[in-house]
Amino acid sequence: MKKLFSVFLIALFAFAGAQESKETANRFFYELTFKPKKDSAKVDKVITILDITDKNRSIYQDYTVIAQDSIMKIEMEAIKKSGMMRDFSKSLKTPKISARIYKSYPGMKVQYVDKIANGFTPTNIGYSEDLKFNWNILSDKQKIGEYNTQKATTEYGGRKWTAWFTADIPFQDGPYKFYGLPGLIVKIEDSDKNYSWVLQGNKKIKDYTEFSYIESLMQASGGKVNELSREKFEKTFSDFKKDPFASVRPMITQEMMSKSIPGMDGTVGDMMKKQEKQYKDFYNANDNPIEKDQATDKKKK
């Protein structure tokens, strides 16, 4: 049963990528403002991070889980002392973004990675792109926060983008998949303002790891990435979103489903239903993807 409980913790908190390794990194904090629903004016905000490491790579991800490491340490200590499970969802915020995006220097191969369940094992799936942005660098300049920036435009994913970059920070990188300007991207948004990233600050990270305390504790990195074609990735991930526990359900007996969980309300079956709803709520919360043309392509198929 311990293995089963671990899977639910992993499912709720773990969106990890590669195995732990000692690095240093420059961490850049971007506030992402976005419209999760196409037919709504409602906007949402989340802090995301771009970590550029000394091992010739960068990792972009939601900062929510990592930001809650101190809370998780307190929760885990309480579990150790009491010997009872606790429902972490009552004290933690849910991330807005589950994927991680890796870029490798200097060639800037872009890898998009997300996690699915494979039985009781979290599995990383992803696809890679040799992505080249056709930037049009303009003479317009603007002060954004403390940064002196210059304007550039491009088209990607069915959207027109305007970026402001600073040559004062000599990384040719940026949030999400964006890169390739002669300096770090400070701000980038599409013409309809569905997605907008603005750099809020940065700091140096020693003994850097790309995953959070709970991911490390649960050994929930998901192992090596299973590389798929983009089409196969989209199909596999779409199937997972429709039925997150499809690979787990056949492995759980009715007897296991009816067992109560010490320290938590309800049975294993109740917890599965709750987790399944959380999964579906998470994935159904956004029908306005960054890459708009990908959603259009799906509808045509």
C-alpha atoms as a PDB file:
ATOM      1  CA  MET A   1       0.000   0.000   0.000  1.00  0.00           C
ATOM      2  CA  LYS A   2       2.930   2.374   0.591  1.00  0.00           C
ATOM      3  CA  LYS A   3       3.657   2.182  -3.125  1.00  0.00           C
ATOM      4  CA  LEU A   4       0.081   3.103  -3.922  1.00  0.00           C
ATOM      5  CA  PHE A   5       0.122   6.105  -1.598  1.00  0.00           C
ATOM      6  CA  SER A   6       3.387   7.258  -3.152  1.00  0.00           C
ATOM      7  CA  VAL A   7       1.791   7.302  -6.576  1.00  0.00           C
ATOM      8  CA  PHE A   8      -0.921   9.688  -5.453  1.00  0.00           C
ATOM      9  CA  LEU A   9       1.622  12.032  -3.889  1.00  0.00           C
ATOM     10  CA  ILE A  10       3.633  11.890  -7.079  1.00  0.00           C
ATOM     11  CA  ALA A  11       0.542  12.510  -9.163  1.00  0.00           C
ATOM     12  CA  LEU A  12      -0.313  15.631  -7.207  1.00  0.00           C
ATOM     13  CA  PHE A  13       3.115  17.179  -6.772  1.00  0.00           C
ATOM     14  CA  ALA A  14       5.674  15.727  -9.154  1.00  0.00           C
ATOM     15  CA  PHE A  15       6.299  17.261 -12.533  1.00  0.00           C
ATOM     16  CA  ALA A  16       9.990  16.391 -12.656  1.00  0.00           C
ATOM     17  CA  GLY A  17      12.476  15.785 -15.417  1.00  0.00           C
ATOM     18  CA  ALA A  18      16.046  14.531 -15.334  1.00  0.00           C
ATOM     19  CA  GLN A  19      18.021  12.920 -12.517  1.00  0.00           C
ATOM     20  CA  GLU A  20      19.695  15.046  -9.848  1.00  0.00           C
ATOM     21  CA  SER A  21      23.132  16.433 -10.584  1.00  0.00           C
ATOM     22  CA  LYS A  22      25.186  19.150  -8.932  1.00  0.00           C
ATOM     23  CA  GLU A  23      25.204  22.362 -10.937  1.00  0.00           C
ATOM     24  CA  THR A  24      25.069  26.085 -10.454  1.00  0.00           C
ATOM     25  CA  ALA A  25      22.425  28.102 -12.258  1.00  0.00           C
ATOM     26  CA  ASN A  26      21.231  31.609 -12.965  1.00  0.00           C
ATOM     27  CA  ARG A  27      17.516  31.643 -12.138  1.00  0.00           C
ATOM     28  CA  PHE A  28      15.311  34.183 -13.933  1.00  0.00           C
ATOM     29  CA  PHE A  29      11.800  34.774 -12.586  1.00  0.00           C
ATOM     30  CA  TYR A  30       9.091  35.538 -15.151  1.00  0.00           C
ATOM     31  CA  GLU A  31       5.541  36.504 -14.284  1.00  0.00           C
ATOM     32  CA  LEU A  32       3.269  34.879 -16.840  1.00  0.00           C
ATOM     33  CA  THR A  33      -0.106  36.537 -17.390  1.00  0.00           C
ATOM     34  CA  PHE A  34      -2.419  34.508 -19.614  1.00  0.00           C
ATOM     35  CA  LYS A  35      -6.005  33.856 -20.660  1.00  0.00           C
ATOM     36  CA  PRO A  36      -6.742  30.181 -19.966  1.00  0.00           C
ATOM     37  CA  LYS A  37     -10.085  30.272 -21.783  1.00  0.00           C
ATOM     38  CA  LYS A  38     -10.484  31.481 -25.378  1.00  0.00           C
ATOM     39  CA  ASP A  39     -14.026  32.767 -24.839  1.00  0.00           C
ATOM     40  CA  SER A  40     -13.320  34.593 -21.579  1.00  0.00           C
ATOM     41  CA  ALA A  41     -11.574  37.847 -20.677  1.00  0.00           C
ATOM     42  CA  LYS A  42     -10.451  36.350 -17.345  1.00  0.00           C
ATOM     43  CA  VAL A  43      -6.694  36.322 -16.886  1.00  0.00           C
ATOM     44  CA  ASP A  44      -4.524  34.180 -14.646  1.00  0.00           C
ATOM     45  CA  LYS A  45      -1.019  34.748 -13.313  1.00  0.00           C
ATOM     46  CA  VAL A  46       1.810  32.449 -12.267  1.00  0.00           C
ATOM     47  CA  ILE A  47       5.516  32.831 -11.584  1.00  0.00           C
ATOM     48  CA  THR A  48       7.626  30.713 -13.905  1.00  0.00           C
ATOM     49  CA  ILE A  49      11.388  30.263 -13.888  1.00  0.00           C
ATOM     50  CA  LEU A  50      14.119  29.932 -16.465  1.00  0.00           C
ATOM     51  CA  ASP A  51      17.199  28.272 -14.974  1.00  0.00           C
ATOM     52  CA  ILE A  52      20.331  28.613 -17.100  1.00  0.00           C
ATOM     53  CA  THR A  53      22.932  26.213 -15.736  1.00  0.00           C
ATOM     54  CA  ASP A  54      26.695  25.876 -16.023  1.00  0.00           C
ATOM     55  CA  LYS A  55      26.203  22.597 -17.899  1.00  0.00           C
ATOM     56  CA  ASN A  56      25.127  24.204 -21.158  1.00  0.00           C
ATOM     57  CA  ARG A  57      21.391  23.888 -20.747  1.00  0.00           C
ATOM     58  CA  SER A  58      18.341  25.787 -19.550  1.00  0.00           C
ATOM     59  CA  ILE A  59      15.140  24.564 -17.900  1.00  0.00           C
ATOM     60  CA  TYR A  60      11.840  26.447 -17.976  1.00  0.00           C
ATOM     61  CA  GLN A  61       9.036  25.459 -15.584  1.00  0.00           C
ATOM     62  CA  ASP A  62       6.307  26.574 -13.192  1.00  0.00           C
ATOM     63  CA  TYR A  63       7.817  27.839  -9.914  1.00  0.00           C
ATOM     64  CA  THR A  64       4.798  26.919  -7.765  1.00  0.00           C
ATOM     65  CA  VAL A  65       5.913  23.526  -6.427  1.00  0.00           C
ATOM     66  CA  ILE A  66       9.551  24.541  -5.885  1.00  0.00           C
ATOM     67  CA  ALA A  67       8.431  27.710  -4.072  1.00  0.00           C
ATOM     68  CA  GLN A  68       6.591  25.556  -1.532  1.00  0.00           C
ATOM     69  CA  ASP A  69       9.591  23.435  -0.518  1.00  0.00           C
ATOM     70  CA  SER A  70       9.668  24.850   3.018  1.00  0.00           C
ATOM     71  CA  ILE A  71       5.982  23.985   3.530  1.00  0.00           C
ATOM     72  CA  MET A  72       6.565  20.477   2.212  1.00  0.00           C
ATOM     73  CA  LYS A  73       9.459  19.903   4.603  1.00  0.00           C
ATOM     74  CA  ILE A  74       7.220  20.850   7.544  1.00  0.00           C
ATOM     75  CA  GLU A  75       4.437  18.572   6.266  1.00  0.00           C
ATOM     76  CA  MET A  76       6.794  15.626   5.809  1.00  0.00           C
ATOM     77  CA  GLU A  77       8.232  16.077   9.299  1.00  0.00           C
ATOM     78  CA  ALA A  78       4.686  16.014  10.703  1.00  0.00           C
ATOM     79  CA  ILE A  79       3.989  12.755   8.854  1.00  0.00           C
ATOM     80  CA  LYS A  80       7.189  11.173  10.194  1.00  0.00           C
ATOM     81  CA  LYS A  81       6.333  12.139  13.764  1.00  0.00           C
ATOM     82  CA  SER A  82       2.694  11.059  13.646  1.00  0.00           C
ATOM     83  CA  GLY A  83       3.038   8.058  11.332  1.00  0.00           C
ATOM     84  CA  MET A  84      -0.175   9.245   9.663  1.00  0.00           C
ATOM     85  CA  MET A  85      -0.841  10.358   6.104  1.00  0.00           C
ATOM     86  CA  ARG A  86      -1.931  13.955   5.494  1.00  0.00           C
ATOM     87  CA  ASP A  87      -3.813  15.563   2.607  1.00  0.00           C
ATOM     88  CA  PHE A  88      -1.213  17.990   1.272  1.00  0.00           C
ATOM     89  CA  SER A  89      -3.683  19.518  -1.162  1.00  0.00           C
ATOM     90  CA  LYS A  90      -5.206  21.474   1.728  1.00  0.00           C
ATOM     91  CA  SER A  91      -2.005  23.416   2.353  1.00  0.00           C
ATOM     92  CA  LEU A  92      -0.389  23.669  -1.080  1.00  0.00           C
ATOM     93  CA  LYS A  93      -1.135  25.568  -4.253  1.00  0.00           C
ATOM     94  CA  THR A  94      -1.546  23.595  -7.454  1.00  0.00           C
ATOM     95  CA  PRO A  95       0.809  24.525 -10.309  1.00  0.00           C
ATOM     96  CA  LYS A  96      -0.656  26.008 -13.483  1.00  0.00           C
ATOM     97  CA  ILE A  97       1.854  24.330 -15.795  1.00  0.00           C
ATOM     98  CA  SER A  98       2.971  20.694 -15.672  1.00  0.00           C
ATOM     99  CA  ALA A  99       5.543  20.630 -18.491  1.00  0.00           C
ATOM    100  CA  ARG A 100       9.236  21.429 -18.460  1.00  0.00           C
ATOM    101  CA  ILE A 101      11.126  22.815 -21.439  1.00  0.00           C
ATOM    102  CA  TYR A 102      14.813  22.143 -21.915  1.00  0.00           C
ATOM    103  CA  LYS A 103      17.189  23.949 -24.248  1.00  0.00           C
ATOM    104  CA  SER A 104      20.732  22.711 -24.873  1.00  0.00           C
ATOM    105  CA  TYR A 105      23.539  25.138 -25.676  1.00  0.00           C
ATOM    106  CA  PRO A 106      24.940  26.186 -28.095  1.00  0.00           C
ATOM    107  CA  GLY A 107      22.778  24.405 -30.690  1.00  0.00           C
ATOM    108  CA  MET A 108      19.577  25.210 -28.756  1.00  0.00           C
ATOM    109  CA  LYS A 109      17.794  21.946 -29.357  1.00  0.00           C
ATOM    110  CA  VAL A 110      14.413  22.370 -27.640  1.00  0.00           C
ATOM    111  CA  GLN A 111      12.855  19.496 -25.694  1.00  0.00           C
ATOM    112  CA  TYR A 112       9.307  19.587 -24.305  1.00  0.00           C
ATOM    113  CA  VAL A 113       8.711  17.106 -21.442  1.00  0.00           C
ATOM    114  CA  ASP A 114       5.644  16.174 -19.412  1.00  0.00           C
ATOM    115  CA  LYS A 115       4.721  13.302 -17.134  1.00  0.00           C
ATOM    116  CA  ILE A 116       2.150  10.531 -17.331  1.00  0.00           C
ATOM    117  CA  ALA A 117       1.430   7.536 -15.111  1.00  0.00           C
ATOM    118  CA  ASN A 118       2.556   4.117 -16.315  1.00  0.00           C
ATOM    119  CA  GLY A 119       1.007   1.822 -13.741  1.00  0.00           C
ATOM    120  CA  PHE A 120       2.509   2.830 -10.393  1.00  0.00           C
ATOM    121  CA  THR A 121       5.483   4.478 -12.110  1.00  0.00           C
ATOM    122  CA  PRO A 122       5.651   8.127 -13.214  1.00  0.00           C
ATOM    123  CA  THR A 123       7.010   8.283 -16.756  1.00  0.00           C
ATOM    124  CA  ASN A 124       8.489  11.212 -18.645  1.00  0.00           C
ATOM    125  CA  ILE A 125       7.443  11.590 -22.254  1.00  0.00           C
ATOM    126  CA  GLY A 126       8.615  14.320 -24.568  1.00  0.00           C
ATOM    127  CA  TYR A 127       9.481  15.486 -28.047  1.00  0.00           C
ATOM    128  CA  SER A 128      12.410  17.467 -29.437  1.00  0.00           C
ATOM    129  CA  GLU A 129      12.545  20.248 -32.000  1.00  0.00           C
ATOM    130  CA  ASP A 130      15.294  21.948 -33.981  1.00  0.00           C
ATOM    131  CA  LEU A 131      13.387  25.174 -33.594  1.00  0.00           C
ATOM    132  CA  LYS A 132      14.514  28.361 -35.308  1.00  0.00           C
ATOM    133  CA  PHE A 133      12.780  31.700 -34.727  1.00  0.00           C
ATOM    134  CA  ASN A 134      12.783  34.250 -37.542  1.00  0.00           C
ATOM    135  CA  TRP A 135      13.327  37.399 -35.475  1.00  0.00           C
ATOM    136  CA  ASN A 136      12.934  40.897 -36.888  1.00  0.00           C
ATOM    137  CA  ILE A 137      15.071  43.154 -34.678  1.00  0.00           C
ATOM    138  CA  LEU A 138      13.835  46.764 -34.636  1.00  0.00           C
ATOM    139  CA  SER A 139      15.418  50.033 -33.498  1.00  0.00           C
ATOM    140  CA  ASP A 140      12.769  50.715 -30.798  1.00  0.00           C
ATOM    141  CA  LYS A 141      14.143  50.793 -27.266  1.00  0.00           C
ATOM    142  CA  GLN A 142      12.401  50.807 -23.897  1.00  0.00           C
ATOM    143  CA  LYS A 143      13.258  50.691 -20.201  1.00  0.00           C
ATOM    144  CA  ILE A 144      11.472  47.778 -18.549  1.00  0.00           C
ATOM    145  CA  GLY A 145      12.100  47.699 -14.815  1.00  0.00           C
ATOM    146  CA  GLU A 146      15.859  47.966 -14.408  1.00  0.00           C
ATOM    147  CA  TYR A 147      16.582  46.647 -17.890  1.00  0.00           C
ATOM    148  CA  ASN A 148      17.428  48.591 -21.064  1.00  0.00           C
ATOM    149  CA  THR A 149      15.681  46.670 -23.824  1.00  0.00           C
ATOM    150  CA  GLN A 150      15.271  46.566 -27.589  1.00  0.00           C
ATOM    151  CA  LYS A 151      12.268  45.419 -29.609  1.00  0.00           C
ATOM    152  CA  ALA A 152      11.983  42.348 -31.832  1.00  0.00           C
ATOM    153  CA  THR A 153       9.077  40.547 -33.483  1.00  0.00           C
ATOM    154  CA  THR A 154       8.412  37.037 -34.759  1.00  0.00           C
ATOM    155  CA  GLU A 155       5.592  34.646 -35.582  1.00  0.00           C
ATOM    156  CA  TYR A 156       5.253  31.271 -33.910  1.00  0.00           C
ATOM    157  CA  GLY A 157       2.486  28.815 -33.076  1.00  0.00           C
ATOM    158  CA  GLY A 158      -0.143  30.742 -35.022  1.00  0.00           C
ATOM    159  CA  ARG A 159       0.506  33.946 -33.059  1.00  0.00           C
ATOM    160  CA  LYS A 160       2.430  37.187 -33.677  1.00  0.00           C
ATOM    161  CA  TRP A 161       4.906  37.952 -30.888  1.00  0.00           C
ATOM    162  CA  THR A 162       6.620  41.127 -29.712  1.00  0.00           C
ATOM    163  CA  ALA A 163       9.709  40.697 -27.552  1.00  0.00           C
ATOM    164  CA  TRP A 164      11.926  43.104 -25.663  1.00  0.00           C
ATOM    165  CA  PHE A 165      15.446  41.829 -24.981  1.00  0.00           C
ATOM    166  CA  THR A 166      18.461  43.194 -23.122  1.00  0.00           C
ATOM    167  CA  ALA A 167      22.037  42.872 -24.323  1.00  0.00           C
ATOM    168  CA  ASP A 168      23.096  43.572 -20.721  1.00  0.00           C
ATOM    169  CA  ILE A 169      22.353  39.915 -19.881  1.00  0.00           C
ATOM    170  CA  PRO A 170      24.298  37.883 -22.452  1.00  0.00           C
ATOM    171  CA  PHE A 171      22.082  34.791 -22.564  1.00  0.00           C
ATOM    172  CA  GLN A 172      20.308  34.275 -25.890  1.00  0.00           C
ATOM    173  CA  ASP A 173      17.378  32.654 -24.123  1.00  0.00           C
ATOM    174  CA  GLY A 174      13.921  33.382 -22.792  1.00  0.00           C
ATOM    175  CA  PRO A 175      10.753  31.892 -21.300  1.00  0.00           C
ATOM    176  CA  TYR A 176       8.931  28.919 -22.816  1.00  0.00           C
ATOM    177  CA  LYS A 177      10.605  27.877 -26.108  1.00  0.00           C
ATOM    178  CA  PHE A 178      11.682  31.391 -27.098  1.00  0.00           C
ATOM    179  CA  TYR A 179      15.373  32.089 -27.722  1.00  0.00           C
ATOM    180  CA  GLY A 180      17.774  33.430 -30.344  1.00  0.00           C
ATOM    181  CA  LEU A 181      17.970  37.173 -29.666  1.00  0.00           C
ATOM    182  CA  PRO A 182      21.309  38.866 -28.814  1.00  0.00           C
ATOM    183  CA  GLY A 183      20.459  39.027 -25.113  1.00  0.00           C
ATOM    184  CA  LEU A 184      17.958  37.699 -22.617  1.00  0.00           C
ATOM    185  CA  ILE A 185      14.252  38.250 -23.335  1.00  0.00           C
ATOM    186  CA  VAL A 186      12.839  40.586 -20.680  1.00  0.00           C
ATOM    187  CA  LYS A 187       9.269  40.711 -21.987  1.00  0.00           C
ATOM    188  CA  ILE A 188       7.369  38.853 -24.675  1.00  0.00           C
ATOM    189  CA  GLU A 189       3.670  38.798 -25.523  1.00  0.00           C
ATOM    190  CA  ASP A 190       1.416  37.900 -28.427  1.00  0.00           C
ATOM    191  CA  SER A 191      -0.521  40.532 -30.353  1.00  0.00           C
ATOM    192  CA  ASP A 192      -3.839  39.541 -28.746  1.00  0.00           C
ATOM    193  CA  LYS A 193      -2.302  39.547 -25.249  1.00  0.00           C
ATOM    194  CA  ASN A 194      -3.309  35.967 -24.550  1.00  0.00           C
ATOM    195  CA  TYR A 195       0.175  35.262 -23.162  1.00  0.00           C
ATOM    196  CA  SER A 196       2.633  37.735 -21.681  1.00  0.00           C
ATOM    197  CA  TRP A 197       5.881  37.063 -19.802  1.00  0.00           C
ATOM    198  CA  VAL A 198       7.728  39.801 -17.909  1.00  0.00           C
ATOM    199  CA  LEU A 199      11.067  39.313 -16.163  1.00  0.00           C
ATOM    200  CA  GLN A 200      10.758  40.116 -12.437  1.00  0.00           C
ATOM    201  CA  GLY A 201      14.284  39.393 -11.189  1.00  0.00           C
ATOM    202  CA  ASN A 202      17.031  36.821 -10.939  1.00  0.00           C
ATOM    203  CA  LYS A 203      19.408  35.121  -8.534  1.00  0.00           C
ATOM    204  CA  LYS A 204      22.306  32.671  -8.506  1.00  0.00           C
ATOM    205  CA  ILE A 205      21.552  29.106  -7.362  1.00  0.00           C
ATOM    206  CA  LYS A 206      24.339  26.970  -5.893  1.00  0.00           C
ATOM    207  CA  ASP A 207      23.988  23.165  -5.757  1.00  0.00           C
ATOM    208  CA  TYR A 208      21.182  23.516  -8.272  1.00  0.00           C
ATOM    209  CA  THR A 209      18.643  20.763  -8.912  1.00  0.00           C
ATOM    210  CA  GLU A 210      15.783  21.183 -11.338  1.00  0.00           C
ATOM    211  CA  PHE A 211      13.225  19.434  -9.164  1.00  0.00           C
ATOM    212  CA  SER A 212      11.628  20.220  -5.837  1.00  0.00           C
ATOM    213  CA  TYR A 213      12.122  18.779  -2.358  1.00  0.00           C
ATOM    214  CA  ILE A 214       9.089  16.504  -2.629  1.00  0.00           C
ATOM    215  CA  GLU A 215      10.136  15.259  -6.061  1.00  0.00           C
ATOM    216  CA  SER A 216      13.562  14.390  -4.697  1.00  0.00           C
ATOM    217  CA  LEU A 217      12.087  12.763  -1.591  1.00  0.00           C
ATOM    218  CA  MET A 218       9.648  10.649  -3.564  1.00  0.00           C
ATOM    219  CA  GLN A 219      12.281   9.848  -6.213  1.00  0.00           C
ATOM    220  CA  ALA A 220       9.679  11.071  -8.657  1.00  0.00           C
ATOM    221  CA  SER A 221      11.926  12.258 -11.465  1.00  0.00           C
ATOM    222  CA  GLY A 222      10.341   9.807 -13.884  1.00  0.00           C
ATOM    223  CA  GLY A 223      13.691   8.613 -15.191  1.00  0.00           C
ATOM    224  CA  LYS A 224      14.909   8.961 -18.746  1.00  0.00           C
ATOM    225  CA  VAL A 225      12.617  10.799 -21.147  1.00  0.00           C
ATOM    226  CA  ASN A 226      10.730   8.572 -23.570  1.00  0.00           C
ATOM    227  CA  GLU A 227      11.270  10.529 -26.798  1.00  0.00           C
ATOM    228  CA  LEU A 228       8.291  10.481 -29.159  1.00  0.00           C
ATOM    229  CA  SER A 229       7.380  12.260 -32.347  1.00  0.00           C
ATOM    230  CA  ARG A 230       5.333  15.356 -31.594  1.00  0.00           C
ATOM    231  CA  GLU A 231       2.244  13.746 -33.110  1.00  0.00           C
ATOM    232  CA  LYS A 232       2.683  10.615 -30.958  1.00  0.00           C
ATOM    233  CA  PHE A 233       3.346  12.762 -27.878  1.00  0.00           C
ATOM    234  CA  GLU A 234       0.143  14.761 -28.414  1.00  0.00           C
ATOM    235  CA  LYS A 235      -1.896  11.564 -28.862  1.00  0.00           C
ATOM    236  CA  THR A 236      -0.369   9.849 -25.791  1.00  0.00           C
ATOM    237  CA  PHE A 237      -0.808  12.882 -23.573  1.00  0.00           C
ATOM    238  CA  SER A 238      -4.351  13.487 -24.808  1.00  0.00           C
ATOM    239  CA  ASP A 239      -5.283   9.899 -23.890  1.00  0.00           C
ATOM    240  CA  PHE A 240      -3.727  10.349 -20.452  1.00  0.00           C
ATOM    241  CA  LYS A 241      -5.694  13.540 -19.787  1.00  0.00           C
ATOM    242  CA  LYS A 242      -8.949  11.796 -20.670  1.00  0.00           C
ATOM    243  CA  ASP A 243      -8.291   8.919 -18.236  1.00  0.00           C
ATOM    244  CA  PRO A 244      -5.326   9.646 -15.901  1.00  0.00           C
ATOM    245  CA  PHE A 245      -5.692   6.353 -14.002  1.00  0.00           C
ATOM    246  CA  ALA A 246      -6.172   4.057 -17.001  1.00  0.00           C
ATOM    247  CA  SER A 247      -2.858   2.278 -16.348  1.00  0.00           C
ATOM    248  CA  VAL A 248      -3.314   2.222 -12.556  1.00  0.00           C
ATOM    249  CA  ARG A 249      -6.908   1.026 -12.302  1.00  0.00           C
ATOM    250  CA  PRO A 250      -6.321  -2.591 -13.455  1.00  0.00           C
ATOM    251  CA  MET A 251      -3.657  -3.007 -10.763  1.00  0.00           C
ATOM    252  CA  ILE A 252      -5.941  -2.089  -7.843  1.00  0.00           C
ATOM    253  CA  THR A 253      -8.325  -4.679  -6.442  1.00  0.00           C
ATOM    254  CA  GLN A 254     -11.756  -3.909  -4.994  1.00  0.00           C
ATOM    255  CA  GLU A 255     -10.379  -4.839  -1.591  1.00  0.00           C
ATOM    256  CA  MET A 256      -7.673  -2.204  -1.920  1.00  0.00           C
ATOM    257  CA  MET A 257     -10.225   0.363  -3.117  1.00  0.00           C
ATOM    258  CA  SER A 258     -12.316  -0.119   0.024  1.00  0.00           C
ATOM    259  CA  LYS A 259      -9.431   0.272   2.482  1.00  0.00           C
ATOM    260  CA  SER A 260      -9.340   3.391   4.615  1.00  0.00           C
ATOM    261  CA  ILE A 261      -6.212   5.536   4.824  1.00  0.00           C
ATOM    262  CA  PRO A 262      -4.881   6.379   8.313  1.00  0.00           C
ATOM    263  CA  GLY A 263      -4.899  10.123   8.841  1.00  0.00           C
ATOM    264  CA  MET A 264      -7.072  10.873   5.824  1.00  0.00           C
ATOM    265  CA  ASP A 265     -10.805  10.976   5.210  1.00  0.00           C
ATOM    266  CA  GLY A 266     -12.261   8.212   3.073  1.00  0.00           C
ATOM    267  CA  THR A 267     -10.973   5.127   1.286  1.00  0.00           C
ATOM    268  CA  VAL A 268      -8.388   4.543  -1.414  1.00  0.00           C
ATOM    269  CA  GLY A 269     -11.276   4.565  -3.894  1.00  0.00           C
ATOM    270  CA  ASP A 270     -12.453   7.936  -2.582  1.00  0.00           C
ATOM    271  CA  MET A 271      -8.951   9.328  -2.917  1.00  0.00           C
ATOM    272  CA  MET A 272      -8.679   8.028  -6.476  1.00  0.00           C
ATOM    273  CA  LYS A 273     -11.916   9.795  -7.422  1.00  0.00           C
ATOM    274  CA  LYS A 274     -10.709  13.006  -5.813  1.00  0.00           C
ATOM    275  CA  GLN A 275      -7.329  12.799  -7.551  1.00  0.00           C
ATOM    276  CA  GLU A 276      -8.944  12.009 -10.896  1.00  0.00           C
ATOM    277  CA  LYS A 277     -11.165  15.091 -10.571  1.00  0.00           C
ATOM    278  CA  GLN A 278      -8.129  17.224  -9.699  1.00  0.00           C
ATOM    279  CA  TYR A 279      -6.312  15.928 -12.765  1.00  0.00           C
ATOM    280  CA  LYS A 280      -9.240  16.627 -15.079  1.00  0.00           C
ATOM    281  CA  ASP A 281      -9.908  20.047 -13.549  1.00  0.00           C
ATOM    282  CA  PHE A 282      -6.234  20.888 -14.053  1.00  0.00           C
ATOM    283  CA  TYR A 283      -6.172  19.902 -17.715  1.00  0.00           C
ATOM    284  CA  ASN A 284      -9.627  21.296 -18.538  1.00  0.00           C
ATOM    285  CA  ALA A 285      -8.764  24.688 -17.048  1.00  0.00           C
ATOM    286  CA  ASN A 286      -6.979  25.765 -20.235  1.00  0.00           C
ATOM    287  CA  ASP A 287      -8.358  25.507 -23.772  1.00  0.00           C
ATOM    288  CA  ASN A 288      -6.219  28.366 -25.108  1.00  0.00           C
ATOM    289  CA  PRO A 289      -2.757  26.888 -25.797  1.00  0.00           C
ATOM    290  CA  ILE A 290       0.321  28.998 -26.416  1.00  0.00           C
ATOM    291  CA  GLU A 291       0.765  27.291 -29.784  1.00  0.00           C
ATOM    292  CA  LYS A 292      -2.640  28.026 -31.235  1.00  0.00           C
ATOM    293  CA  ASP A 293      -1.988  26.297 -34.555  1.00  0.00           C
ATOM    294  CA  GLN A 294      -1.346  22.981 -32.798  1.00  0.00           C
ATOM    295  CA  ALA A 295      -4.911  23.000 -31.437  1.00  0.00           C
ATOM    296  CA  THR A 296      -6.196  23.848 -34.939  1.00  0.00           C
ATOM    297  CA  ASP A 297      -4.266  20.935 -36.416  1.00  0.00           C
ATOM    298  CA  LYS A 298      -5.850  18.560 -33.898  1.00  0.00           C
ATOM    299  CA  LYS A 299      -9.348  19.642 -34.909  1.00  0.00           C
ATOM    300  CA  LYS A 300      -8.586  18.965 -38.569  1.00  0.00           C
ATOM    301  CA  LYS A 301      -7.582  15.371 -37.868  1.00  0.00           C
END
